[in-house]
C-alpha atoms as a PDB file:
ATOM      1  CA  UNK A   1       9.368 -22.922   2.235  1.00  0.00           C
ATOM      2  CA  UNK A   2      11.599 -23.289   5.171  1.00  0.00           C
ATOM      3  CA  UNK A   3      13.434 -26.545   5.532  1.00  0.00           C
ATOM      4  CA  UNK A   4      11.460 -27.499   8.638  1.00  0.00           C
ATOM      5  CA  UNK A   5       8.121 -26.815   6.842  1.00  0.00           C
ATOM      6  CA  UNK A   6       9.118 -29.348   4.047  1.00  0.00           C
ATOM      7  CA  UNK A   7       9.848 -31.883   6.392  1.00  0.00           C
ATOM      8  CA  UNK A   8       6.680 -31.523   8.311  1.00  0.00           C
ATOM      9  CA  UNK A   9       5.208 -31.893   4.866  1.00  0.00           C
ATOM     10  CA  UNK A  10       6.957 -35.035   4.121  1.00  0.00           C
ATOM     11  CA  UNK A  11       6.791 -36.550   7.554  1.00  0.00           C
ATOM     12  CA  UNK A  12       2.736 -35.448   7.528  1.00  0.00           C
ATOM     13  CA  UNK A  13       2.906 -37.743   4.023  1.00  0.00           C
ATOM     14  CA  UNK A  14       4.634 -40.669   5.399  1.00  0.00           C
ATOM     15  CA  UNK A  15       2.875 -40.702   8.682  1.00  0.00           C
ATOM     16  CA  UNK A  16      -0.576 -40.805   6.702  1.00  0.00           C
ATOM     17  CA  UNK A  17       0.675 -43.926   4.433  1.00  0.00           C
ATOM     18  CA  UNK A  18       2.610 -45.946   7.030  1.00  0.00           C
ATOM     19  CA  UNK A  19      -0.494 -47.768   8.458  1.00  0.00           C
ATOM     20  CA  UNK A  20      -0.549 -49.819   5.003  1.00  0.00           C
ATOM     21  CA  UNK A  21       2.803 -51.125   5.328  1.00  0.00           C
ATOM     22  CA  UNK A  22       3.397 -51.004   8.845  1.00  0.00           C
ATOM     23  CA  UNK A  23       1.499 -51.337  12.427  1.00  0.00           C
ATOM     24  CA  UNK A  24       1.632 -47.459  13.931  1.00  0.00           C
ATOM     25  CA  UNK A  25       0.418 -47.295  17.542  1.00  0.00           C
ATOM     26  CA  UNK A  26      -2.923 -45.362  17.026  1.00  0.00           C
ATOM     27  CA  UNK A  27      -2.160 -42.766  20.042  1.00  0.00           C
ATOM     28  CA  UNK A  28       1.337 -42.094  18.748  1.00  0.00           C
ATOM     29  CA  UNK A  29      -0.487 -41.596  15.061  1.00  0.00           C
ATOM     30  CA  UNK A  30      -3.468 -39.026  16.492  1.00  0.00           C
ATOM     31  CA  UNK A  31      -0.993 -37.014  18.094  1.00  0.00           C
ATOM     32  CA  UNK A  32       1.771 -37.031  15.509  1.00  0.00           C
ATOM     33  CA  UNK A  33      -0.689 -36.248  12.824  1.00  0.00           C
ATOM     34  CA  UNK A  34      -2.714 -33.694  14.323  1.00  0.00           C
ATOM     35  CA  UNK A  35       0.517 -31.931  15.585  1.00  0.00           C
ATOM     36  CA  UNK A  36       1.766 -32.250  12.036  1.00  0.00           C
ATOM     37  CA  UNK A  37      -1.277 -30.728  10.355  1.00  0.00           C
ATOM     38  CA  UNK A  38      -1.366 -27.859  12.714  1.00  0.00           C
ATOM     39  CA  UNK A  39       2.235 -26.808  11.768  1.00  0.00           C
ATOM     40  CA  UNK A  40       1.858 -26.810   8.121  1.00  0.00           C
ATOM     41  CA  UNK A  41      -1.427 -24.990   8.251  1.00  0.00           C
ATOM     42  CA  UNK A  42       0.076 -22.474  10.286  1.00  0.00           C
ATOM     43  CA  UNK A  43       3.159 -21.723   8.631  1.00  0.00           C
ATOM     44  CA  UNK A  44       1.022 -21.725   5.125  1.00  0.00           C
ATOM     45  CA  UNK A  45      -0.958 -19.133   6.644  1.00  0.00           C
ATOM     46  CA  UNK A  46       1.586 -16.463   6.996  1.00  0.00           C
ATOM     47  CA  UNK A  47       0.877 -14.540   3.631  1.00  0.00           C
ATOM     48  CA  UNK A  48       1.102 -10.577   2.515  1.00  0.00           C
ATOM     49  CA  UNK A  49      -2.738 -10.332   3.588  1.00  0.00           C
ATOM     50  CA  UNK A  50      -4.379 -12.041   6.420  1.00  0.00           C
ATOM     51  CA  UNK A  51      -6.339 -14.827   5.254  1.00  0.00           C
ATOM     52  CA  UNK A  52      -9.583 -14.987   3.968  1.00  0.00           C
ATOM     53  CA  UNK A  53     -12.514 -17.189   3.387  1.00  0.00           C
ATOM     54  CA  UNK A  54     -12.639 -15.723  -0.216  1.00  0.00           C
ATOM     55  CA  UNK A  55      -9.176 -17.369  -0.844  1.00  0.00           C
ATOM     56  CA  UNK A  56     -10.544 -20.907  -0.041  1.00  0.00           C
ATOM     57  CA  UNK A  57     -11.152 -20.811  -4.017  1.00  0.00           C
ATOM     58  CA  UNK A  58      -7.490 -21.708  -4.118  1.00  0.00           C
ATOM     59  CA  UNK A  59      -6.674 -25.378  -3.994  1.00  0.00           C
ATOM     60  CA  UNK A  60      -4.654 -27.115  -1.329  1.00  0.00           C
ATOM     61  CA  UNK A  61      -2.299 -28.547  -3.507  1.00  0.00           C
ATOM     62  CA  UNK A  62      -2.112 -25.650  -5.894  1.00  0.00           C
ATOM     63  CA  UNK A  63       0.718 -23.890  -4.073  1.00  0.00           C
ATOM     64  CA  UNK A  64       2.992 -26.775  -4.727  1.00  0.00           C
ATOM     65  CA  UNK A  65       2.445 -27.318  -7.869  1.00  0.00           C
ATOM     66  CA  UNK A  66       2.008 -23.918  -9.601  1.00  0.00           C
ATOM     67  CA  UNK A  67       5.826 -23.108  -9.678  1.00  0.00           C
ATOM     68  CA  UNK A  68       6.281 -26.384 -11.665  1.00  0.00           C
ATOM     69  CA  UNK A  69       3.905 -25.033 -14.448  1.00  0.00           C
ATOM     70  CA  UNK A  70       4.423 -22.063 -17.172  1.00  0.00           C
ATOM     71  CA  UNK A  71       3.364 -18.816 -15.790  1.00  0.00           C
ATOM     72  CA  UNK A  72       0.246 -18.326 -18.157  1.00  0.00           C
ATOM     73  CA  UNK A  73      -0.846 -21.270 -16.471  1.00  0.00           C
ATOM     74  CA  UNK A  74      -0.913 -19.589 -13.018  1.00  0.00           C
ATOM     75  CA  UNK A  75      -2.059 -16.162 -14.291  1.00  0.00           C
ATOM     76  CA  UNK A  76      -4.740 -16.426 -17.466  1.00  0.00           C
ATOM     77  CA  UNK A  77      -8.166 -16.549 -15.904  1.00  0.00           C
ATOM     78  CA  UNK A  78     -10.331 -18.620 -18.001  1.00  0.00           C
ATOM     79  CA  UNK A  79     -14.107 -17.738 -17.598  1.00  0.00           C
ATOM     80  CA  UNK A  80     -16.729 -20.231 -18.234  1.00  0.00           C
ATOM     81  CA  UNK A  81     -20.756 -18.945 -18.685  1.00  0.00           C
ATOM     82  CA  UNK A  82     -23.286 -21.494 -17.894  1.00  0.00           C
ATOM     83  CA  UNK A  83     -25.545 -22.630 -20.635  1.00  0.00           C
ATOM     84  CA  UNK A  84     -28.566 -20.445 -20.572  1.00  0.00           C
ATOM     85  CA  UNK A  85     -27.715 -18.875 -17.575  1.00  0.00           C
ATOM     86  CA  UNK A  86     -24.962 -16.496 -18.590  1.00  0.00           C
ATOM     87  CA  UNK A  87     -24.908 -14.540 -15.433  1.00  0.00           C
ATOM     88  CA  UNK A  88     -23.324 -17.695 -13.713  1.00  0.00           C
ATOM     89  CA  UNK A  89     -20.054 -17.910 -14.108  1.00  0.00           C
ATOM     90  CA  UNK A  90     -16.878 -19.560 -13.113  1.00  0.00           C
ATOM     91  CA  UNK A  91     -13.555 -18.425 -12.919  1.00  0.00           C
ATOM     92  CA  UNK A  92     -10.639 -20.639 -12.947  1.00  0.00           C
ATOM     93  CA  UNK A  93      -6.932 -21.179 -14.135  1.00  0.00           C
ATOM     94  CA  UNK A  94      -5.343 -24.061 -15.770  1.00  0.00           C
ATOM     95  CA  UNK A  95      -3.028 -24.655 -12.723  1.00  0.00           C
ATOM     96  CA  UNK A  96      -6.352 -25.010 -10.638  1.00  0.00           C
ATOM     97  CA  UNK A  97      -7.644 -27.571 -12.928  1.00  0.00           C
ATOM     98  CA  UNK A  98      -4.534 -29.431 -12.945  1.00  0.00           C
ATOM     99  CA  UNK A  99      -4.428 -29.508  -9.071  1.00  0.00           C
ATOM    100  CA  UNK A 100      -8.153 -30.631  -8.896  1.00  0.00           C
ATOM    101  CA  UNK A 101      -7.556 -34.093 -11.130  1.00  0.00           C
ATOM    102  CA  UNK A 102      -5.839 -35.737  -7.737  1.00  0.00           C
ATOM    103  CA  UNK A 103      -8.377 -34.275  -5.602  1.00  0.00           C
ATOM    104  CA  UNK A 104     -11.286 -35.330  -7.995  1.00  0.00           C
ATOM    105  CA  UNK A 105      -9.920 -38.940  -7.854  1.00  0.00           C
ATOM    106  CA  UNK A 106      -9.774 -38.932  -3.961  1.00  0.00           C
ATOM    107  CA  UNK A 107     -13.171 -37.886  -3.355  1.00  0.00           C
ATOM    108  CA  UNK A 108     -14.344 -40.409  -6.067  1.00  0.00           C
ATOM    109  CA  UNK A 109     -12.266 -43.215  -4.485  1.00  0.00           C
ATOM    110  CA  UNK A 110     -13.988 -42.261  -1.099  1.00  0.00           C
ATOM    111  CA  UNK A 111     -17.476 -42.451  -2.307  1.00  0.00           C
ATOM    112  CA  UNK A 112     -17.086 -45.807  -3.842  1.00  0.00           C
ATOM    113  CA  UNK A 113     -14.779 -47.361  -1.495  1.00  0.00           C
ATOM    114  CA  UNK A 114     -15.096 -45.558   2.070  1.00  0.00           C
ATOM    115  CA  UNK A 115     -11.468 -46.188   2.411  1.00  0.00           C
ATOM    116  CA  UNK A 116     -10.098 -44.674   5.578  1.00  0.00           C
ATOM    117  CA  UNK A 117      -6.637 -43.237   3.645  1.00  0.00           C
ATOM    118  CA  UNK A 118      -9.182 -41.567   1.284  1.00  0.00           C
ATOM    119  CA  UNK A 119     -10.913 -39.884   4.159  1.00  0.00           C
ATOM    120  CA  UNK A 120      -7.775 -38.989   5.890  1.00  0.00           C
ATOM    121  CA  UNK A 121      -6.538 -37.612   2.678  1.00  0.00           C
ATOM    122  CA  UNK A 122      -9.763 -35.396   2.442  1.00  0.00           C
ATOM    123  CA  UNK A 123      -9.973 -34.563   6.354  1.00  0.00           C
ATOM    124  CA  UNK A 124      -6.351 -33.523   6.106  1.00  0.00           C
ATOM    125  CA  UNK A 125      -6.691 -31.176   2.879  1.00  0.00           C
ATOM    126  CA  UNK A 126      -9.746 -29.585   4.901  1.00  0.00           C
ATOM    127  CA  UNK A 127      -7.644 -29.012   8.194  1.00  0.00           C
ATOM    128  CA  UNK A 128      -5.014 -27.807   6.490  1.00  0.00           C
ATOM    129  CA  UNK A 129      -7.138 -25.851   4.089  1.00  0.00           C
ATOM    130  CA  UNK A 130      -9.023 -23.979   6.830  1.00  0.00           C
ATOM    131  CA  UNK A 131      -5.982 -23.396   9.431  1.00  0.00           C
ATOM    132  CA  UNK A 132      -4.368 -21.650   6.133  1.00  0.00           C
ATOM    133  CA  UNK A 133      -7.391 -19.380   4.972  1.00  0.00           C
ATOM    134  CA  UNK A 134      -9.636 -18.938   8.099  1.00  0.00           C
ATOM    135  CA  UNK A 135      -8.468 -15.423  10.184  1.00  0.00           C
ATOM    136  CA  UNK A 136     -10.290 -15.196  13.880  1.00  0.00           C
ATOM    137  CA  UNK A 137      -8.758 -11.304  13.401  1.00  0.00           C
ATOM    138  CA  UNK A 138      -7.606 -11.018  16.821  1.00  0.00           C
ATOM    139  CA  UNK A 139      -6.578 -12.804  20.100  1.00  0.00           C
ATOM    140  CA  UNK A 140     -10.169 -11.737  21.983  1.00  0.00           C
ATOM    141  CA  UNK A 141     -11.999 -13.077  19.489  1.00  0.00           C
ATOM    142  CA  UNK A 142     -10.505 -16.394  19.273  1.00  0.00           C
ATOM    143  CA  UNK A 143     -10.496 -16.505  23.339  1.00  0.00           C
ATOM    144  CA  UNK A 144     -14.138 -15.997  23.083  1.00  0.00           C
ATOM    145  CA  UNK A 145     -14.437 -18.537  20.312  1.00  0.00           C
ATOM    146  CA  UNK A 146     -12.177 -21.581  22.230  1.00  0.00           C
ATOM    147  CA  UNK A 147     -14.399 -20.591  25.692  1.00  0.00           C
ATOM    148  CA  UNK A 148     -17.486 -20.920  23.444  1.00  0.00           C
ATOM    149  CA  UNK A 149     -16.384 -24.585  22.024  1.00  0.00           C
ATOM    150  CA  UNK A 150     -14.568 -25.789  25.341  1.00  0.00           C
ATOM    151  CA  UNK A 151     -18.543 -25.258  26.799  1.00  0.00           C
ATOM    152  CA  UNK A 152     -19.928 -26.840  23.639  1.00  0.00           C
ATOM    153  CA  UNK A 153     -17.600 -29.773  23.700  1.00  0.00           C
ATOM    154  CA  UNK A 154     -17.669 -30.816  27.176  1.00  0.00           C
ATOM    155  CA  UNK A 155     -21.621 -30.718  26.990  1.00  0.00           C
ATOM    156  CA  UNK A 156     -22.009 -32.828  23.652  1.00  0.00           C
ATOM    157  CA  UNK A 157     -19.504 -35.282  24.838  1.00  0.00           C
ATOM    158  CA  UNK A 158     -20.398 -35.707  28.828  1.00  0.00           C
ATOM    159  CA  UNK A 159     -24.293 -34.991  28.902  1.00  0.00           C
ATOM    160  CA  UNK A 160     -25.331 -36.282  25.988  1.00  0.00           C
ATOM    161  CA  UNK A 161     -24.599 -39.367  23.452  1.00  0.00           C
ATOM    162  CA  UNK A 162     -25.153 -37.097  20.519  1.00  0.00           C
ATOM    163  CA  UNK A 163     -21.695 -36.193  19.414  1.00  0.00           C
ATOM    164  CA  UNK A 164     -20.331 -39.433  19.998  1.00  0.00           C
ATOM    165  CA  UNK A 165     -22.825 -41.498  18.210  1.00  0.00           C
ATOM    166  CA  UNK A 166     -22.602 -38.945  15.159  1.00  0.00           C
ATOM    167  CA  UNK A 167     -18.921 -39.728  15.056  1.00  0.00           C
ATOM    168  CA  UNK A 168     -19.491 -43.168  14.747  1.00  0.00           C
ATOM    169  CA  UNK A 169     -22.353 -43.476  12.622  1.00  0.00           C
ATOM    170  CA  UNK A 170     -21.766 -40.482  10.572  1.00  0.00           C
ATOM    171  CA  UNK A 171     -20.120 -41.559   7.380  1.00  0.00           C
ATOM    172  CA  UNK A 172     -18.158 -38.469   5.746  1.00  0.00           C
ATOM    173  CA  UNK A 173     -14.609 -37.083   6.079  1.00  0.00           C
ATOM    174  CA  UNK A 174     -15.391 -35.131   8.832  1.00  0.00           C
ATOM    175  CA  UNK A 175     -12.600 -37.085  11.409  1.00  0.00           C
ATOM    176  CA  UNK A 176      -9.539 -38.756  10.897  1.00  0.00           C
ATOM    177  CA  UNK A 177      -9.321 -42.452  11.509  1.00  0.00           C
ATOM    178  CA  UNK A 178      -6.474 -44.050  12.368  1.00  0.00           C
ATOM    179  CA  UNK A 179      -5.898 -47.867  12.341  1.00  0.00           C
ATOM    180  CA  UNK A 180      -5.784 -50.518  15.657  1.00  0.00           C
ATOM    181  CA  UNK A 181      -5.203 -53.608  16.008  1.00  0.00           C
ATOM    182  CA  UNK A 182      -8.093 -53.849  17.638  1.00  0.00           C
ATOM    183  CA  UNK A 183     -10.891 -56.002  15.698  1.00  0.00           C
ATOM    184  CA  UNK A 184     -13.690 -54.767  18.056  1.00  0.00           C
ATOM    185  CA  UNK A 185     -12.371 -50.826  17.575  1.00  0.00           C
ATOM    186  CA  UNK A 186     -10.464 -50.995  14.603  1.00  0.00           C
ATOM    187  CA  UNK A 187      -9.764 -47.652  14.067  1.00  0.00           C
ATOM    188  CA  UNK A 188      -9.341 -44.579  16.675  1.00  0.00           C
ATOM    189  CA  UNK A 189     -10.723 -41.572  15.465  1.00  0.00           C
ATOM    190  CA  UNK A 190     -10.023 -37.685  15.871  1.00  0.00           C
ATOM    191  CA  UNK A 191     -12.470 -34.773  14.998  1.00  0.00           C
ATOM    192  CA  UNK A 192     -11.454 -32.393  12.510  1.00  0.00           C
ATOM    193  CA  UNK A 193     -12.187 -29.629  14.875  1.00  0.00           C
ATOM    194  CA  UNK A 194     -10.022 -30.880  17.200  1.00  0.00           C
ATOM    195  CA  UNK A 195      -7.451 -29.791  15.099  1.00  0.00           C
ATOM    196  CA  UNK A 196      -8.870 -26.953  12.946  1.00  0.00           C
ATOM    197  CA  UNK A 197     -10.355 -24.558  15.669  1.00  0.00           C
ATOM    198  CA  UNK A 198      -7.000 -24.664  17.924  1.00  0.00           C
ATOM    199  CA  UNK A 199      -5.099 -24.556  14.933  1.00  0.00           C
ATOM    200  CA  UNK A 200      -6.489 -21.231  13.483  1.00  0.00           C
ATOM    201  CA  UNK A 201      -5.336 -19.657  17.137  1.00  0.00           C
ATOM    202  CA  UNK A 202      -2.391 -21.137  16.839  1.00  0.00           C
ATOM    203  CA  UNK A 203      -1.823 -19.846  13.364  1.00  0.00           C
ATOM    204  CA  UNK A 204      -3.080 -16.549  14.566  1.00  0.00           C
ATOM    205  CA  UNK A 205      -0.082 -16.109  17.245  1.00  0.00           C
ATOM    206  CA  UNK A 206       2.541 -17.452  14.151  1.00  0.00           C
ATOM    207  CA  UNK A 207       0.955 -14.442  12.082  1.00  0.00           C
ATOM    208  CA  UNK A 208       1.462 -12.296  15.416  1.00  0.00           C
ATOM    209  CA  UNK A 209       5.055 -12.910  15.439  1.00  0.00           C
ATOM    210  CA  UNK A 210       5.811 -12.752  12.041  1.00  0.00           C
ATOM    211  CA  UNK A 211       4.227  -8.880  12.372  1.00  0.00           C
ATOM    212  CA  UNK A 212       6.678  -8.100  14.657  1.00  0.00           C
ATOM    213  CA  UNK A 213       9.244  -9.526  13.050  1.00  0.00           C
ATOM    214  CA  UNK A 214       9.672 -12.378  15.334  1.00  0.00           C
ATOM    215  CA  UNK A 215      10.947 -15.626  14.562  1.00  0.00           C
ATOM    216  CA  UNK A 216       7.730 -18.040  16.002  1.00  0.00           C
ATOM    217  CA  UNK A 217       8.270 -16.668  19.644  1.00  0.00           C
ATOM    218  CA  UNK A 218       4.588 -17.004  20.511  1.00  0.00           C
ATOM    219  CA  UNK A 219       4.133 -19.828  18.217  1.00  0.00           C
ATOM    220  CA  UNK A 220       5.970 -21.956  19.804  1.00  0.00           C
ATOM    221  CA  UNK A 221       4.065 -21.678  23.432  1.00  0.00           C
ATOM    222  CA  UNK A 222       0.540 -22.020  21.538  1.00  0.00           C
ATOM    223  CA  UNK A 223       1.898 -25.046  19.830  1.00  0.00           C
ATOM    224  CA  UNK A 224       3.275 -26.614  22.511  1.00  0.00           C
ATOM    225  CA  UNK A 225       0.218 -25.667  24.343  1.00  0.00           C
ATOM    226  CA  UNK A 226      -1.720 -27.813  21.830  1.00  0.00           C
ATOM    227  CA  UNK A 227       0.658 -30.445  21.577  1.00  0.00           C
ATOM    228  CA  UNK A 228       0.382 -31.081  25.301  1.00  0.00           C
ATOM    229  CA  UNK A 229      -3.145 -30.723  25.619  1.00  0.00           C
ATOM    230  CA  UNK A 230      -3.541 -33.428  22.841  1.00  0.00           C
ATOM    231  CA  UNK A 231      -1.129 -35.519  24.808  1.00  0.00           C
ATOM    232  CA  UNK A 232      -3.072 -35.269  27.952  1.00  0.00           C
ATOM    233  CA  UNK A 233      -6.504 -36.139  26.158  1.00  0.00           C
ATOM    234  CA  UNK A 234      -5.110 -39.262  24.866  1.00  0.00           C
ATOM    235  CA  UNK A 235      -3.647 -40.125  28.494  1.00  0.00           C
ATOM    236  CA  UNK A 236      -7.530 -39.524  29.719  1.00  0.00           C
ATOM    237  CA  UNK A 237      -9.028 -41.507  27.424  1.00  0.00           C
ATOM    238  CA  UNK A 238      -7.230 -44.395  27.610  1.00  0.00           C
ATOM    239  CA  UNK A 239      -6.948 -44.158  31.574  1.00  0.00           C
ATOM    240  CA  UNK A 240     -10.830 -44.023  31.420  1.00  0.00           C
ATOM    241  CA  UNK A 241     -11.459 -46.023  28.528  1.00  0.00           C
ATOM    242  CA  UNK A 242     -14.040 -43.760  27.479  1.00  0.00           C
ATOM    243  CA  UNK A 243     -14.212 -40.510  24.610  1.00  0.00           C
ATOM    244  CA  UNK A 244     -12.843 -37.360  25.649  1.00  0.00           C
ATOM    245  CA  UNK A 245     -13.968 -34.157  24.827  1.00  0.00           C
ATOM    246  CA  UNK A 246     -10.505 -33.299  23.143  1.00  0.00           C
ATOM    247  CA  UNK A 247     -11.319 -29.060  23.541  1.00  0.00           C
ATOM    248  CA  UNK A 248     -11.428 -30.019  27.319  1.00  0.00           C
ATOM    249  CA  UNK A 249      -8.066 -30.061  27.497  1.00  0.00           C
ATOM    250  CA  UNK A 250      -6.453 -28.537  24.339  1.00  0.00           C
ATOM    251  CA  UNK A 251      -7.688 -25.407  24.788  1.00  0.00           C
ATOM    252  CA  UNK A 252      -6.749 -24.544  28.427  1.00  0.00           C
ATOM    253  CA  UNK A 253      -3.200 -25.773  27.359  1.00  0.00           C
ATOM    254  CA  UNK A 254      -3.206 -23.523  24.200  1.00  0.00           C
ATOM    255  CA  UNK A 255      -4.338 -20.633  26.115  1.00  0.00           C
ATOM    256  CA  UNK A 256      -2.443 -21.080  29.406  1.00  0.00           C
ATOM    257  CA  UNK A 257       0.690 -21.572  27.493  1.00  0.00           C
ATOM    258  CA  UNK A 258       0.326 -18.723  25.438  1.00  0.00           C
ATOM    259  CA  UNK A 259      -0.640 -16.330  28.191  1.00  0.00           C
ATOM    260  CA  UNK A 260       1.942 -17.357  30.542  1.00  0.00           C
ATOM    261  CA  UNK A 261       4.699 -16.781  27.996  1.00  0.00           C
ATOM    262  CA  UNK A 262       2.953 -13.317  26.790  1.00  0.00           C
ATOM    263  CA  UNK A 263       2.892 -11.757  30.898  1.00  0.00           C
ATOM    264  CA  UNK A 264       6.466 -13.526  31.346  1.00  0.00           C
ATOM    265  CA  UNK A 265       7.535 -11.138  28.565  1.00  0.00           C
ATOM    266  CA  UNK A 266       4.890  -8.362  29.032  1.00  0.00           C
ATOM    267  CA  UNK A 267       3.693  -8.196  25.802  1.00  0.00           C
ATOM    268  CA  UNK A 268       0.087  -8.527  27.155  1.00  0.00           C
ATOM    269  CA  UNK A 269      -1.195  -4.940  25.603  1.00  0.00           C
ATOM    270  CA  UNK A 270       0.356  -5.664  22.313  1.00  0.00           C
ATOM    271  CA  UNK A 271      -1.351  -8.995  21.769  1.00  0.00           C
ATOM    272  CA  UNK A 272      -4.636  -7.784  23.039  1.00  0.00           C
ATOM    273  CA  UNK A 273      -4.408  -5.069  20.745  1.00  0.00           C
ATOM    274  CA  UNK A 274      -3.329  -6.871  17.942  1.00  0.00           C
ATOM    275  CA  UNK A 275      -5.838  -6.846  15.207  1.00  0.00           C
ATOM    276  CA  UNK A 276      -5.221  -9.061  12.008  1.00  0.00           C
ATOM    277  CA  UNK A 277      -7.503  -7.145   9.707  1.00  0.00           C
ATOM    278  CA  UNK A 278      -5.332  -3.851   9.985  1.00  0.00           C
ATOM    279  CA  UNK A 279      -2.399  -5.538   9.528  1.00  0.00           C
ATOM    280  CA  UNK A 280      -0.130  -6.496   6.303  1.00  0.00           C
ATOM    281  CA  UNK A 281       2.415  -9.761   7.264  1.00  0.00           C
ATOM    282  CA  UNK A 282       5.961 -10.293   5.005  1.00  0.00           C
ATOM    283  CA  UNK A 283       6.675 -13.561   3.929  1.00  0.00           C
ATOM    284  CA  UNK A 284       9.517 -14.511   2.367  1.00  0.00           C
ATOM    285  CA  UNK A 285       8.299 -14.468  -0.931  1.00  0.00           C
ATOM    286  CA  UNK A 286       5.545 -11.781  -0.036  1.00  0.00           C
ATOM    287  CA  UNK A 287       5.943  -9.372  -2.944  1.00  0.00           C
ATOM    288  CA  UNK A 288       5.844 -12.309  -5.530  1.00  0.00           C
ATOM    289  CA  UNK A 289       3.109 -14.002  -3.897  1.00  0.00           C
ATOM    290  CA  UNK A 290       1.154 -10.140  -3.935  1.00  0.00           C
ATOM    291  CA  UNK A 291       1.572  -9.862  -7.400  1.00  0.00           C
ATOM    292  CA  UNK A 292       0.335 -13.300  -8.267  1.00  0.00           C
ATOM    293  CA  UNK A 293      -2.807 -13.104  -6.061  1.00  0.00           C
ATOM    294  CA  UNK A 294      -3.494  -9.822  -7.922  1.00  0.00           C
ATOM    295  CA  UNK A 295      -3.402 -11.594 -11.170  1.00  0.00           C
ATOM    296  CA  UNK A 296      -5.823 -14.459  -9.967  1.00  0.00           C
END
């Protein structure tokens, strides 16, 4: 893990806990938390093989703690079969059990107290895991997905009350909550989809760079586009004092910044032809990770 990644992880943890001990401007909190989450998830997605849903079985905390545990805890699988239903079985390692303990605690805490911090910790875990493990495959697929969700978000926010009412009334970690000083509106909210959906596209740009041996060339422009789009969302929301479909601003910014950079460098064809399912990505410790994944 590079120093920048470590700093991002610690910054995200500190920013998440900061409202407990000090006043944090919710607008700044929204932007920084979302951007740090995307950054962390993107770098965690760079692996020897493309991300896949099958890898979702790994706990979010597992990569952070497995290095401190004995090797056999990470490698030796335990198979547990259901009584009377021997065909059903669960395979896990001791390190996964250890990683699941704090997760179980936060789930129980949220279920009992509905505290905003428990909500955010679960939400951030979902976001990071989603960005890390989900792959769009190609930029063409990603652009189509973002375009469709761009229209979807606009329709459900501007033309129906459904999206806003669900976000306010549905009590589940499907959004991040940011405490405010306004008693009438105690929390600002950001949906997890506004982080994960653009995040997996930005992560694809980072893996595209990695496949070409570049150090975040197009990732920087895509990530900058996400940051600008999110800031623009906050500005418009405060200007009109009304809920805004974040993807209305984020999608054009992400695609626009990336497209402008690619066109400027003349890399349109390689980017459009990039197919992650046919490309292996070498990471810093690729050999070790690959070996470990085979054993798991």
